[in-house]
């Protein structure tokens, strides 16, 4: 009797997970973040729904005071790697959520600093002054600014 060896490839798993997430996005227009979600999959899903916004994740940098005390997070890692609050609910992202609500949830549950960036022409700007706006409002503003600056409409990067 012969045996079959199956190797687990994390990259293939992440690609499959990302594909499933993107498919579900088109049906429900919500993103559900749980411990199995990778940073990359959530960033991609977020950008699919909000093409003029992107998510950046950071963790506290206690060893180096450069970069405002923050380090970028490895996008291949699952959110379980960062969990700060046990037995917390999943994060559900939808268009009515404000930037400040989103950033607070990621910090409370995963201990991650989150920055929503809005496209303005060919650059990405932090939304700190308008954190009380919904993600939908932020995205519409990004589309308007980008089309005014570049002279195009429905621009995606």
C-alpha atoms as a PDB file:
ATOM      1  CA  UNK A   1       0.000   0.000   0.000  1.00  0.00           C
ATOM      2  CA  UNK A   2       1.433   3.369  -0.955  1.00  0.00           C
ATOM      3  CA  UNK A   3       1.092   6.597   0.935  1.00  0.00           C
ATOM      4  CA  UNK A   4       0.665  10.115  -0.351  1.00  0.00           C
ATOM      5  CA  UNK A   5       2.506  12.998   1.220  1.00  0.00           C
ATOM      6  CA  UNK A   6       0.718  16.339   1.166  1.00  0.00           C
ATOM      7  CA  UNK A   7       2.795  19.421   1.781  1.00  0.00           C
ATOM      8  CA  UNK A   8       1.118  22.503   3.157  1.00  0.00           C
ATOM      9  CA  UNK A   9       2.085  25.607   1.206  1.00  0.00           C
ATOM     10  CA  UNK A  10       1.274  28.789   3.139  1.00  0.00           C
ATOM     11  CA  UNK A  11       1.468  30.962   0.010  1.00  0.00           C
ATOM     12  CA  UNK A  12      -1.083  28.819  -1.830  1.00  0.00           C
ATOM     13  CA  UNK A  13      -3.326  28.850   1.234  1.00  0.00           C
ATOM     14  CA  UNK A  14      -3.108  32.663   1.494  1.00  0.00           C
ATOM     15  CA  UNK A  15      -3.850  33.016  -2.223  1.00  0.00           C
ATOM     16  CA  UNK A  16      -6.900  30.770  -1.923  1.00  0.00           C
ATOM     17  CA  UNK A  17      -8.063  32.603   1.192  1.00  0.00           C
ATOM     18  CA  UNK A  18      -7.645  35.958  -0.569  1.00  0.00           C
ATOM     19  CA  UNK A  19      -9.641  34.726  -3.570  1.00  0.00           C
ATOM     20  CA  UNK A  20     -12.472  33.546  -1.341  1.00  0.00           C
ATOM     21  CA  UNK A  21     -12.499  36.834   0.565  1.00  0.00           C
ATOM     22  CA  UNK A  22     -12.627  38.861  -2.671  1.00  0.00           C
ATOM     23  CA  UNK A  23     -15.501  36.721  -3.992  1.00  0.00           C
ATOM     24  CA  UNK A  24     -17.508  37.236  -0.814  1.00  0.00           C
ATOM     25  CA  UNK A  25     -16.831  40.966  -0.939  1.00  0.00           C
ATOM     26  CA  UNK A  26     -18.660  41.307  -4.213  1.00  0.00           C
ATOM     27  CA  UNK A  27     -21.685  39.576  -2.707  1.00  0.00           C
ATOM     28  CA  UNK A  28     -21.890  41.213   0.726  1.00  0.00           C
ATOM     29  CA  UNK A  29     -19.724  44.360   0.510  1.00  0.00           C
ATOM     30  CA  UNK A  30     -18.482  43.690   4.044  1.00  0.00           C
ATOM     31  CA  UNK A  31     -15.141  42.498   5.267  1.00  0.00           C
ATOM     32  CA  UNK A  32     -14.987  40.159   8.231  1.00  0.00           C
ATOM     33  CA  UNK A  33     -11.635  40.112   9.990  1.00  0.00           C
ATOM     34  CA  UNK A  34     -10.918  37.103  12.180  1.00  0.00           C
ATOM     35  CA  UNK A  35      -7.790  35.448  13.542  1.00  0.00           C
ATOM     36  CA  UNK A  36      -7.254  33.400  10.359  1.00  0.00           C
ATOM     37  CA  UNK A  37      -7.293  36.444   8.070  1.00  0.00           C
ATOM     38  CA  UNK A  38      -3.917  37.572   6.804  1.00  0.00           C
ATOM     39  CA  UNK A  39      -2.971  41.232   6.851  1.00  0.00           C
ATOM     40  CA  UNK A  40      -2.502  41.089   3.066  1.00  0.00           C
ATOM     41  CA  UNK A  41      -5.927  39.522   2.405  1.00  0.00           C
ATOM     42  CA  UNK A  42      -7.682  42.219   4.431  1.00  0.00           C
ATOM     43  CA  UNK A  43      -5.682  45.003   2.774  1.00  0.00           C
ATOM     44  CA  UNK A  44      -6.602  43.638  -0.672  1.00  0.00           C
ATOM     45  CA  UNK A  45     -10.265  43.153   0.236  1.00  0.00           C
ATOM     46  CA  UNK A  46     -10.417  46.670   1.679  1.00  0.00           C
ATOM     47  CA  UNK A  47      -8.894  48.144  -1.475  1.00  0.00           C
ATOM     48  CA  UNK A  48     -11.379  46.215  -3.657  1.00  0.00           C
ATOM     49  CA  UNK A  49     -14.346  47.801  -1.879  1.00  0.00           C
ATOM     50  CA  UNK A  50     -12.691  51.191  -1.372  1.00  0.00           C
ATOM     51  CA  UNK A  51     -10.340  51.714  -4.356  1.00  0.00           C
ATOM     52  CA  UNK A  52      -9.340  55.200  -3.180  1.00  0.00           C
ATOM     53  CA  UNK A  53      -8.410  54.019   0.317  1.00  0.00           C
ATOM     54  CA  UNK A  54      -5.816  51.665   1.727  1.00  0.00           C
ATOM     55  CA  UNK A  55      -5.023  50.225   5.145  1.00  0.00           C
ATOM     56  CA  UNK A  56      -1.612  50.348   6.783  1.00  0.00           C
ATOM     57  CA  UNK A  57      -0.872  48.381   9.951  1.00  0.00           C
ATOM     58  CA  UNK A  58       1.854  49.096  12.493  1.00  0.00           C
ATOM     59  CA  UNK A  59       2.933  47.772  15.853  1.00  0.00           C
ATOM     60  CA  UNK A  60       4.615  49.698  18.605  1.00  0.00           C
ATOM     61  CA  UNK A  61       8.362  50.048  18.203  1.00  0.00           C
ATOM     62  CA  UNK A  62       9.876  50.255  21.651  1.00  0.00           C
ATOM     63  CA  UNK A  63      13.451  49.740  20.458  1.00  0.00           C
ATOM     64  CA  UNK A  64      13.790  52.439  17.839  1.00  0.00           C
ATOM     65  CA  UNK A  65      12.475  55.956  18.205  1.00  0.00           C
ATOM     66  CA  UNK A  66      12.690  56.620  14.463  1.00  0.00           C
ATOM     67  CA  UNK A  67       9.562  56.137  12.323  1.00  0.00           C
ATOM     68  CA  UNK A  68       7.429  57.706  15.092  1.00  0.00           C
ATOM     69  CA  UNK A  69       7.861  54.621  17.268  1.00  0.00           C
ATOM     70  CA  UNK A  70       6.005  52.331  14.849  1.00  0.00           C
ATOM     71  CA  UNK A  71       7.063  49.352  12.748  1.00  0.00           C
ATOM     72  CA  UNK A  72       5.260  48.096   9.665  1.00  0.00           C
ATOM     73  CA  UNK A  73       3.610  44.715  10.102  1.00  0.00           C
ATOM     74  CA  UNK A  74       4.509  41.696   7.944  1.00  0.00           C
ATOM     75  CA  UNK A  75       1.548  41.333   5.562  1.00  0.00           C
ATOM     76  CA  UNK A  76       1.891  37.529   5.382  1.00  0.00           C
ATOM     77  CA  UNK A  77       1.050  37.132   9.059  1.00  0.00           C
ATOM     78  CA  UNK A  78      -2.437  36.212  10.263  1.00  0.00           C
ATOM     79  CA  UNK A  79      -4.188  38.499  12.712  1.00  0.00           C
ATOM     80  CA  UNK A  80      -4.008  35.731  15.363  1.00  0.00           C
ATOM     81  CA  UNK A  81      -0.296  36.543  15.623  1.00  0.00           C
ATOM     82  CA  UNK A  82      -1.161  39.991  17.002  1.00  0.00           C
ATOM     83  CA  UNK A  83      -4.279  39.308  19.109  1.00  0.00           C
ATOM     84  CA  UNK A  84      -4.300  41.503  22.209  1.00  0.00           C
ATOM     85  CA  UNK A  85      -7.814  40.832  23.512  1.00  0.00           C
ATOM     86  CA  UNK A  86      -8.918  37.246  24.071  1.00  0.00           C
ATOM     87  CA  UNK A  87     -12.517  36.179  23.315  1.00  0.00           C
ATOM     88  CA  UNK A  88     -13.209  39.338  21.339  1.00  0.00           C
ATOM     89  CA  UNK A  89     -15.605  39.408  18.429  1.00  0.00           C
ATOM     90  CA  UNK A  90     -14.535  39.561  14.799  1.00  0.00           C
ATOM     91  CA  UNK A  91     -14.199  42.954  13.168  1.00  0.00           C
ATOM     92  CA  UNK A  92     -16.845  43.645  10.537  1.00  0.00           C
ATOM     93  CA  UNK A  93     -15.891  46.454   8.171  1.00  0.00           C
ATOM     94  CA  UNK A  94     -18.612  48.101   6.102  1.00  0.00           C
ATOM     95  CA  UNK A  95     -19.022  51.387   4.272  1.00  0.00           C
ATOM     96  CA  UNK A  96     -20.818  53.145   7.149  1.00  0.00           C
ATOM     97  CA  UNK A  97     -18.020  52.539   9.668  1.00  0.00           C
ATOM     98  CA  UNK A  98     -15.955  55.623  10.458  1.00  0.00           C
ATOM     99  CA  UNK A  99     -12.190  55.646  10.199  1.00  0.00           C
ATOM    100  CA  UNK A 100     -11.851  56.242  13.947  1.00  0.00           C
ATOM    101  CA  UNK A 101     -14.118  53.256  14.739  1.00  0.00           C
ATOM    102  CA  UNK A 102     -12.069  51.032  12.454  1.00  0.00           C
ATOM    103  CA  UNK A 103      -8.736  52.154  13.885  1.00  0.00           C
ATOM    104  CA  UNK A 104      -9.985  51.732  17.469  1.00  0.00           C
ATOM    105  CA  UNK A 105     -11.223  48.163  16.824  1.00  0.00           C
ATOM    106  CA  UNK A 106      -7.913  47.030  15.335  1.00  0.00           C
ATOM    107  CA  UNK A 107      -6.014  48.519  18.267  1.00  0.00           C
ATOM    108  CA  UNK A 108      -8.351  47.137  20.938  1.00  0.00           C
ATOM    109  CA  UNK A 109      -8.614  43.598  19.546  1.00  0.00           C
ATOM    110  CA  UNK A 110      -5.237  43.110  17.857  1.00  0.00           C
ATOM    111  CA  UNK A 111      -3.010  45.767  19.418  1.00  0.00           C
ATOM    112  CA  UNK A 112      -2.243  47.132  15.950  1.00  0.00           C
ATOM    113  CA  UNK A 113      -2.060  50.769  15.021  1.00  0.00           C
ATOM    114  CA  UNK A 114      -4.054  51.229  11.832  1.00  0.00           C
ATOM    115  CA  UNK A 115      -3.916  54.117   9.406  1.00  0.00           C
ATOM    116  CA  UNK A 116      -6.473  54.613   6.653  1.00  0.00           C
ATOM    117  CA  UNK A 117      -4.821  56.355   3.726  1.00  0.00           C
ATOM    118  CA  UNK A 118      -6.805  58.246   1.059  1.00  0.00           C
ATOM    119  CA  UNK A 119      -5.670  58.646  -2.520  1.00  0.00           C
ATOM    120  CA  UNK A 120      -5.211  62.225  -3.659  1.00  0.00           C
ATOM    121  CA  UNK A 121      -3.977  62.242  -7.231  1.00  0.00           C
ATOM    122  CA  UNK A 122      -0.845  60.115  -7.237  1.00  0.00           C
ATOM    123  CA  UNK A 123      -0.118  60.225  -3.502  1.00  0.00           C
ATOM    124  CA  UNK A 124      -1.628  58.650  -0.384  1.00  0.00           C
ATOM    125  CA  UNK A 125      -2.502  60.886   2.571  1.00  0.00           C
ATOM    126  CA  UNK A 126      -3.495  59.986   6.128  1.00  0.00           C
ATOM    127  CA  UNK A 127      -7.087  60.779   7.056  1.00  0.00           C
ATOM    128  CA  UNK A 128      -6.381  62.041  10.573  1.00  0.00           C
ATOM    129  CA  UNK A 129      -8.357  65.289  10.244  1.00  0.00           C
ATOM    130  CA  UNK A 130     -11.398  63.487   8.801  1.00  0.00           C
ATOM    131  CA  UNK A 131     -11.354  60.325  10.949  1.00  0.00           C
ATOM    132  CA  UNK A 132     -14.998  60.963  11.871  1.00  0.00           C
ATOM    133  CA  UNK A 133     -16.064  60.429   8.229  1.00  0.00           C
ATOM    134  CA  UNK A 134     -17.407  57.071   7.081  1.00  0.00           C
ATOM    135  CA  UNK A 135     -15.254  54.884   4.858  1.00  0.00           C
ATOM    136  CA  UNK A 136     -17.706  55.550   2.025  1.00  0.00           C
ATOM    137  CA  UNK A 137     -17.308  59.327   2.441  1.00  0.00           C
ATOM    138  CA  UNK A 138     -13.526  58.979   2.530  1.00  0.00           C
ATOM    139  CA  UNK A 139     -13.541  56.873  -0.641  1.00  0.00           C
ATOM    140  CA  UNK A 140     -15.798  59.336  -2.495  1.00  0.00           C
ATOM    141  CA  UNK A 141     -13.535  62.214  -1.467  1.00  0.00           C
ATOM    142  CA  UNK A 142     -10.513  60.274  -2.720  1.00  0.00           C
ATOM    143  CA  UNK A 143     -12.213  59.610  -6.050  1.00  0.00           C
ATOM    144  CA  UNK A 144     -13.169  63.284  -6.425  1.00  0.00           C
ATOM    145  CA  UNK A 145      -9.685  64.559  -5.521  1.00  0.00           C
ATOM    146  CA  UNK A 146      -7.955  62.048  -7.774  1.00  0.00           C
ATOM    147  CA  UNK A 147     -10.190  62.826 -10.745  1.00  0.00           C
ATOM    148  CA  UNK A 148      -9.651  66.572 -10.273  1.00  0.00           C
ATOM    149  CA  UNK A 149      -5.885  66.224  -9.991  1.00  0.00           C
ATOM    150  CA  UNK A 150      -5.343  63.641 -12.722  1.00  0.00           C
ATOM    151  CA  UNK A 151      -8.251  64.577 -14.966  1.00  0.00           C
ATOM    152  CA  UNK A 152      -9.573  61.013 -14.909  1.00  0.00           C
ATOM    153  CA  UNK A 153     -12.610  59.306 -13.445  1.00  0.00           C
ATOM    154  CA  UNK A 154     -12.927  55.839 -11.909  1.00  0.00           C
ATOM    155  CA  UNK A 155      -9.145  55.694 -11.445  1.00  0.00           C
ATOM    156  CA  UNK A 156      -7.872  52.575  -9.609  1.00  0.00           C
ATOM    157  CA  UNK A 157      -4.346  51.787  -8.533  1.00  0.00           C
END
